[in-house]
Every structure is written in structure tokens, then in C-alpha cells.
Amino acid sequence: MIKFIAPIVLLTISNVFMTFAWYGHLRFRNTALITVILVSWGIAFFEYCFQVPANRIGYEVYNAAQLKTIQEVITLIVFSGFSIWYLKEQFRWNYLVGFLFIILAVFFIFKKW
């Protein structure tokens, strides 16, 4: 059971780091670009410290397409919370519709045909 859950937990942690690395600087628009690049690289290091083990462990129970799908769903969830909480953006109905289509993709990827 732990091998099924561990990759999801590790991918979630890695995604929080990556979301801050990629989008956290948007609140600091007056900071020099080189500074935000270097800070983002520093944050991304920690993302990789969780992402690589997540995929290594996860590949024992999931195939690559399933791992990528899990990661994308986690990305949407983390980014949605991040954009609302950190960037103070609104969550719109069309985002929900798009996410529902992605959930449909999850069904097709994980379904045993």
C-alpha cells in the first residue's frame, strides 16, 4: 500500500516546490529577472529531490503514462490552490470544465482495457 501512496505524496511535495519556482516570482515583478531565475533554480533543486524518488518508487507500481497522469492531476490541484491563495486570482467555471476533461483522461489512462 505504501508504494501506491508514497509516489503521490512525494509528487505533491515536489509540485508545491515547482509551482513556487515557476510562478512564485510573479508577486515580485520589480525584482531583477536574474535574481528570480537564481531563486527559482534554488527552489527547483528541492523539487527534484522529491520528484526523482517519487518516479523511481512509483515506477514499481505505475507505468510511465500513469505516473505522468498522476503528476498532471496533482499539478492542477496544487496550482489551483496556489493561484487562489498566493496569487489572489479567481477560479473560474471554465477551469473546472477543463479539469473535468482531464479527470476523464485519468479514467481512460488507468482503465484496464
N, C-alpha and C. Protein backbone atom coordinates (compact mmCIF):
# COMPACT_ATOMS: atom_id res chain seq x y z
N MET A 1 0.82 -1.20 0.00
CA MET A 1 0.00 0.00 0.00
C MET A 1 0.86 1.26 0.00
N ILE A 2 1.96 1.23 0.76
CA ILE A 2 2.83 2.40 0.85
C ILE A 2 3.43 2.76 -0.50
N LYS A 3 3.70 1.74 -1.34
CA LYS A 3 4.28 2.01 -2.66
C LYS A 3 3.29 2.70 -3.59
N PHE A 4 1.99 2.56 -3.32
CA PHE A 4 0.98 3.25 -4.11
C PHE A 4 0.82 4.70 -3.65
N ILE A 5 0.96 4.93 -2.35
CA ILE A 5 0.74 6.25 -1.76
C ILE A 5 2.00 7.12 -1.80
N ALA A 6 3.16 6.54 -1.53
CA ALA A 6 4.40 7.31 -1.44
C ALA A 6 4.67 8.17 -2.67
N PRO A 7 4.51 7.64 -3.89
CA PRO A 7 4.76 8.50 -5.06
C PRO A 7 3.82 9.70 -5.12
N ILE A 8 2.58 9.50 -4.71
CA ILE A 8 1.60 10.59 -4.74
C ILE A 8 1.98 11.67 -3.74
N VAL A 9 2.38 11.26 -2.54
CA VAL A 9 2.81 12.23 -1.53
C VAL A 9 4.06 12.97 -1.99
N LEU A 10 5.04 12.23 -2.49
CA LEU A 10 6.29 12.85 -2.95
C LEU A 10 6.05 13.76 -4.15
N LEU A 11 5.20 13.35 -5.07
CA LEU A 11 4.88 14.21 -6.22
C LEU A 11 4.15 15.47 -5.79
N THR A 12 3.32 15.37 -4.78
CA THR A 12 2.62 16.55 -4.28
C THR A 12 3.61 17.54 -3.68
N ILE A 13 4.52 17.04 -2.86
CA ILE A 13 5.54 17.92 -2.26
C ILE A 13 6.39 18.55 -3.35
N SER A 14 6.83 17.74 -4.31
CA SER A 14 7.68 18.28 -5.39
C SER A 14 6.92 19.34 -6.18
N ASN A 15 5.62 19.11 -6.36
CA ASN A 15 4.83 20.06 -7.14
C ASN A 15 4.65 21.39 -6.43
N VAL A 16 4.56 21.36 -5.12
CA VAL A 16 4.49 22.63 -4.36
C VAL A 16 5.77 23.43 -4.61
N PHE A 17 6.92 22.77 -4.51
CA PHE A 17 8.19 23.46 -4.77
C PHE A 17 8.24 24.00 -6.20
N MET A 18 7.85 23.17 -7.17
CA MET A 18 7.95 23.60 -8.56
C MET A 18 6.98 24.74 -8.86
N THR A 19 5.82 24.71 -8.28
CA THR A 19 4.87 25.80 -8.51
C THR A 19 5.44 27.11 -7.99
N PHE A 20 6.06 27.07 -6.82
CA PHE A 20 6.71 28.29 -6.31
C PHE A 20 7.89 28.69 -7.17
N ALA A 21 8.64 27.72 -7.67
CA ALA A 21 9.79 28.04 -8.53
C ALA A 21 9.33 28.69 -9.83
N TRP A 22 8.27 28.19 -10.42
CA TRP A 22 7.81 28.69 -11.71
C TRP A 22 6.97 29.95 -11.61
N TYR A 23 6.15 30.06 -10.56
CA TYR A 23 5.17 31.14 -10.51
C TYR A 23 5.28 32.05 -9.29
N GLY A 24 6.03 31.66 -8.28
CA GLY A 24 6.13 32.47 -7.06
C GLY A 24 6.68 33.87 -7.30
N HIS A 25 7.55 34.00 -8.27
CA HIS A 25 8.16 35.30 -8.56
C HIS A 25 7.18 36.30 -9.16
N LEU A 26 6.01 35.86 -9.57
CA LEU A 26 5.05 36.79 -10.19
C LEU A 26 4.57 37.85 -9.22
N ARG A 27 4.72 37.60 -7.93
CA ARG A 27 4.37 38.62 -6.93
C ARG A 27 5.51 39.61 -6.72
N PHE A 28 6.65 39.37 -7.32
CA PHE A 28 7.83 40.22 -7.15
C PHE A 28 8.29 40.76 -8.50
N ARG A 29 7.40 41.44 -9.17
CA ARG A 29 7.66 41.90 -10.54
C ARG A 29 8.76 42.96 -10.61
N ASN A 30 9.07 43.61 -9.51
CA ASN A 30 10.12 44.63 -9.51
C ASN A 30 11.50 44.06 -9.20
N THR A 31 11.56 42.78 -8.89
CA THR A 31 12.84 42.13 -8.61
C THR A 31 13.51 41.80 -9.94
N ALA A 32 14.82 41.97 -9.97
CA ALA A 32 15.58 41.72 -11.20
C ALA A 32 15.37 40.29 -11.69
N LEU A 33 15.25 40.14 -12.99
CA LEU A 33 15.00 38.84 -13.60
C LEU A 33 16.07 37.81 -13.22
N ILE A 34 17.32 38.20 -13.22
CA ILE A 34 18.39 37.26 -12.88
C ILE A 34 18.24 36.76 -11.45
N THR A 35 17.77 37.62 -10.57
CA THR A 35 17.55 37.23 -9.18
C THR A 35 16.45 36.19 -9.07
N VAL A 36 15.34 36.43 -9.75
CA VAL A 36 14.24 35.46 -9.66
C VAL A 36 14.60 34.14 -10.36
N ILE A 37 15.43 34.21 -11.39
CA ILE A 37 15.90 32.98 -12.04
C ILE A 37 16.74 32.16 -11.07
N LEU A 38 17.67 32.80 -10.39
CA LEU A 38 18.54 32.09 -9.46
C LEU A 38 17.75 31.54 -8.26
N VAL A 39 16.83 32.32 -7.75
CA VAL A 39 15.99 31.84 -6.64
C VAL A 39 15.13 30.67 -7.11
N SER A 40 14.58 30.77 -8.32
CA SER A 40 13.76 29.69 -8.86
C SER A 40 14.58 28.41 -9.03
N TRP A 41 15.81 28.53 -9.48
CA TRP A 41 16.67 27.36 -9.60
C TRP A 41 16.91 26.72 -8.23
N GLY A 42 17.12 27.57 -7.24
CA GLY A 42 17.32 27.05 -5.88
C GLY A 42 16.11 26.29 -5.38
N ILE A 43 14.93 26.82 -5.64
CA ILE A 43 13.70 26.15 -5.23
C ILE A 43 13.52 24.85 -6.03
N ALA A 44 13.82 24.90 -7.32
CA ALA A 44 13.65 23.72 -8.19
C ALA A 44 14.55 22.56 -7.74
N PHE A 45 15.69 22.87 -7.15
CA PHE A 45 16.55 21.80 -6.63
C PHE A 45 15.76 20.91 -5.67
N PHE A 46 15.00 21.53 -4.77
CA PHE A 46 14.23 20.77 -3.79
C PHE A 46 13.09 20.01 -4.47
N GLU A 47 12.55 20.60 -5.52
CA GLU A 47 11.52 19.90 -6.29
C GLU A 47 12.07 18.58 -6.82
N TYR A 48 13.27 18.61 -7.36
CA TYR A 48 13.89 17.39 -7.91
C TYR A 48 14.21 16.38 -6.81
N CYS A 49 14.51 16.86 -5.62
CA CYS A 49 14.81 15.95 -4.50
C CYS A 49 13.60 15.10 -4.13
N PHE A 50 12.41 15.56 -4.46
CA PHE A 50 11.19 14.79 -4.21
C PHE A 50 10.67 14.10 -5.47
N GLN A 51 10.82 14.77 -6.60
CA GLN A 51 10.26 14.24 -7.85
C GLN A 51 10.98 12.99 -8.32
N VAL A 52 12.29 13.00 -8.27
CA VAL A 52 13.05 11.84 -8.76
C VAL A 52 12.74 10.59 -7.94
N PRO A 53 12.78 10.65 -6.60
CA PRO A 53 12.40 9.45 -5.84
C PRO A 53 10.93 9.05 -6.06
N ALA A 54 10.06 10.04 -6.23
CA ALA A 54 8.64 9.73 -6.48
C ALA A 54 8.49 8.88 -7.73
N ASN A 55 9.18 9.25 -8.79
CA ASN A 55 9.08 8.49 -10.03
C ASN A 55 9.81 7.16 -9.92
N ARG A 56 10.92 7.13 -9.22
CA ARG A 56 11.66 5.87 -9.06
C ARG A 56 10.82 4.86 -8.29
N ILE A 57 10.23 5.31 -7.17
CA ILE A 57 9.38 4.43 -6.36
C ILE A 57 8.09 4.11 -7.11
N GLY A 58 7.50 5.14 -7.70
CA GLY A 58 6.23 4.98 -8.39
C GLY A 58 6.28 4.05 -9.57
N TYR A 59 7.42 3.97 -10.22
CA TYR A 59 7.54 3.12 -11.41
C TYR A 59 7.48 1.64 -11.07
N GLU A 60 7.60 1.32 -9.77
CA GLU A 60 7.45 -0.07 -9.35
C GLU A 60 6.00 -0.52 -9.37
N VAL A 61 5.06 0.46 -9.29
CA VAL A 61 3.64 0.09 -9.25
C VAL A 61 2.81 0.76 -10.35
N TYR A 62 3.32 1.81 -10.95
CA TYR A 62 2.63 2.51 -12.03
C TYR A 62 3.51 2.49 -13.27
N ASN A 63 2.90 2.58 -14.46
CA ASN A 63 3.72 2.74 -15.65
C ASN A 63 3.98 4.23 -15.86
N ALA A 64 4.80 4.57 -16.83
CA ALA A 64 5.20 5.96 -17.03
C ALA A 64 4.01 6.87 -17.36
N ALA A 65 3.09 6.38 -18.18
CA ALA A 65 1.92 7.19 -18.53
C ALA A 65 1.05 7.46 -17.30
N GLN A 66 0.92 6.46 -16.45
CA GLN A 66 0.14 6.65 -15.23
C GLN A 66 0.83 7.63 -14.29
N LEU A 67 2.15 7.52 -14.14
CA LEU A 67 2.89 8.46 -13.30
C LEU A 67 2.72 9.89 -13.81
N LYS A 68 2.83 10.08 -15.10
CA LYS A 68 2.69 11.42 -15.68
C LYS A 68 1.28 11.94 -15.46
N THR A 69 0.29 11.09 -15.59
CA THR A 69 -1.09 11.50 -15.38
C THR A 69 -1.31 11.91 -13.93
N ILE A 70 -0.80 11.12 -13.00
CA ILE A 70 -0.89 11.47 -11.58
C ILE A 70 -0.26 12.82 -11.34
N GLN A 71 0.92 13.02 -11.92
CA GLN A 71 1.64 14.28 -11.74
C GLN A 71 0.84 15.46 -12.29
N GLU A 72 0.21 15.29 -13.43
CA GLU A 72 -0.57 16.38 -14.03
C GLU A 72 -1.79 16.74 -13.20
N VAL A 73 -2.46 15.73 -12.66
CA VAL A 73 -3.62 15.99 -11.79
C VAL A 73 -3.17 16.72 -10.53
N ILE A 74 -2.07 16.27 -9.94
CA ILE A 74 -1.53 16.95 -8.77
C ILE A 74 -1.17 18.39 -9.12
N THR A 75 -0.56 18.59 -10.28
CA THR A 75 -0.20 19.93 -10.72
C THR A 75 -1.42 20.84 -10.77
N LEU A 76 -2.50 20.36 -11.33
CA LEU A 76 -3.72 21.17 -11.42
C LEU A 76 -4.27 21.52 -10.04
N ILE A 77 -4.27 20.55 -9.16
CA ILE A 77 -4.78 20.79 -7.81
C ILE A 77 -3.90 21.79 -7.08
N VAL A 78 -2.59 21.55 -7.09
CA VAL A 78 -1.66 22.45 -6.40
C VAL A 78 -1.71 23.83 -7.02
N PHE A 79 -1.69 23.91 -8.35
CA PHE A 79 -1.68 25.22 -8.99
C PHE A 79 -2.99 25.98 -8.74
N SER A 80 -4.11 25.27 -8.72
CA SER A 80 -5.38 25.94 -8.44
C SER A 80 -5.35 26.59 -7.07
N GLY A 81 -4.92 25.83 -6.07
CA GLY A 81 -4.81 26.39 -4.72
C GLY A 81 -3.82 27.53 -4.66
N PHE A 82 -2.69 27.36 -5.33
CA PHE A 82 -1.64 28.39 -5.35
C PHE A 82 -2.14 29.67 -5.98
N SER A 83 -2.82 29.55 -7.12
CA SER A 83 -3.26 30.77 -7.82
C SER A 83 -4.33 31.50 -7.02
N ILE A 84 -5.17 30.77 -6.29
CA ILE A 84 -6.20 31.41 -5.47
C ILE A 84 -5.58 32.00 -4.21
N TRP A 85 -4.78 31.21 -3.50
CA TRP A 85 -4.23 31.63 -2.22
C TRP A 85 -3.08 32.62 -2.36
N TYR A 86 -2.11 32.30 -3.21
CA TYR A 86 -0.88 33.10 -3.29
C TYR A 86 -0.99 34.25 -4.28
N LEU A 87 -1.52 33.96 -5.46
CA LEU A 87 -1.62 35.00 -6.49
C LEU A 87 -2.92 35.79 -6.43
N LYS A 88 -3.84 35.35 -5.59
CA LYS A 88 -5.14 36.04 -5.39
C LYS A 88 -5.95 36.13 -6.69
N GLU A 89 -5.90 35.06 -7.48
CA GLU A 89 -6.68 35.01 -8.71
C GLU A 89 -7.98 34.26 -8.48
N GLN A 90 -8.96 34.51 -9.32
CA GLN A 90 -10.25 33.84 -9.22
C GLN A 90 -10.20 32.49 -9.92
N PHE A 91 -10.93 31.54 -9.36
CA PHE A 91 -11.11 30.25 -10.02
C PHE A 91 -12.41 30.36 -10.82
N ARG A 92 -12.33 30.14 -12.10
CA ARG A 92 -13.48 30.34 -12.99
C ARG A 92 -14.11 29.01 -13.38
N TRP A 93 -15.35 29.07 -13.80
CA TRP A 93 -16.11 27.87 -14.15
C TRP A 93 -15.45 27.10 -15.29
N ASN A 94 -14.88 27.81 -16.25
CA ASN A 94 -14.27 27.11 -17.38
C ASN A 94 -13.02 26.33 -16.97
N TYR A 95 -12.35 26.76 -15.90
CA TYR A 95 -11.24 25.97 -15.38
C TYR A 95 -11.75 24.63 -14.88
N LEU A 96 -12.86 24.66 -14.18
CA LEU A 96 -13.46 23.44 -13.66
C LEU A 96 -13.84 22.49 -14.80
N VAL A 97 -14.42 23.02 -15.85
CA VAL A 97 -14.80 22.19 -17.01
C VAL A 97 -13.55 21.55 -17.61
N GLY A 98 -12.50 22.31 -17.78
CA GLY A 98 -11.25 21.77 -18.31
C GLY A 98 -10.68 20.68 -17.41
N PHE A 99 -10.74 20.90 -16.09
CA PHE A 99 -10.24 19.91 -15.15
C PHE A 99 -11.06 18.62 -15.23
N LEU A 100 -12.36 18.77 -15.44
CA LEU A 100 -13.21 17.58 -15.57
C LEU A 100 -12.81 16.75 -16.79
N PHE A 101 -12.43 17.41 -17.86
CA PHE A 101 -11.95 16.68 -19.03
C PHE A 101 -10.64 15.94 -18.72
N ILE A 102 -9.81 16.56 -17.92
CA ILE A 102 -8.56 15.90 -17.54
C ILE A 102 -8.85 14.69 -16.65
N ILE A 103 -9.83 14.82 -15.77
CA ILE A 103 -10.23 13.68 -14.95
C ILE A 103 -10.75 12.55 -15.84
N LEU A 104 -11.44 12.90 -16.90
CA LEU A 104 -11.89 11.89 -17.87
C LEU A 104 -10.68 11.19 -18.50
N ALA A 105 -9.63 11.96 -18.78
CA ALA A 105 -8.40 11.37 -19.32
C ALA A 105 -7.80 10.40 -18.31
N VAL A 106 -7.85 10.74 -17.04
CA VAL A 106 -7.35 9.83 -15.99
C VAL A 106 -8.09 8.49 -16.07
N PHE A 107 -9.39 8.56 -16.24
CA PHE A 107 -10.17 7.33 -16.35
C PHE A 107 -9.65 6.46 -17.49
N PHE A 108 -9.45 7.06 -18.65
CA PHE A 108 -9.02 6.28 -19.81
C PHE A 108 -7.61 5.74 -19.64
N ILE A 109 -6.75 6.47 -18.98
CA ILE A 109 -5.36 6.02 -18.80
C ILE A 109 -5.27 4.88 -17.78
N PHE A 110 -6.06 4.94 -16.73
CA PHE A 110 -5.99 3.93 -15.69
C PHE A 110 -6.91 2.73 -15.91
N LYS A 111 -7.84 2.84 -16.82
CA LYS A 111 -8.78 1.75 -17.09
C LYS A 111 -8.03 0.58 -17.74
N LYS A 112 -8.29 -0.62 -17.23
CA LYS A 112 -7.69 -1.83 -17.81
C LYS A 112 -8.55 -2.23 -19.01
N TRP A 113 -8.02 -2.10 -20.20
CA TRP A 113 -8.79 -2.41 -21.43
C TRP A 113 -8.47 -3.79 -21.91
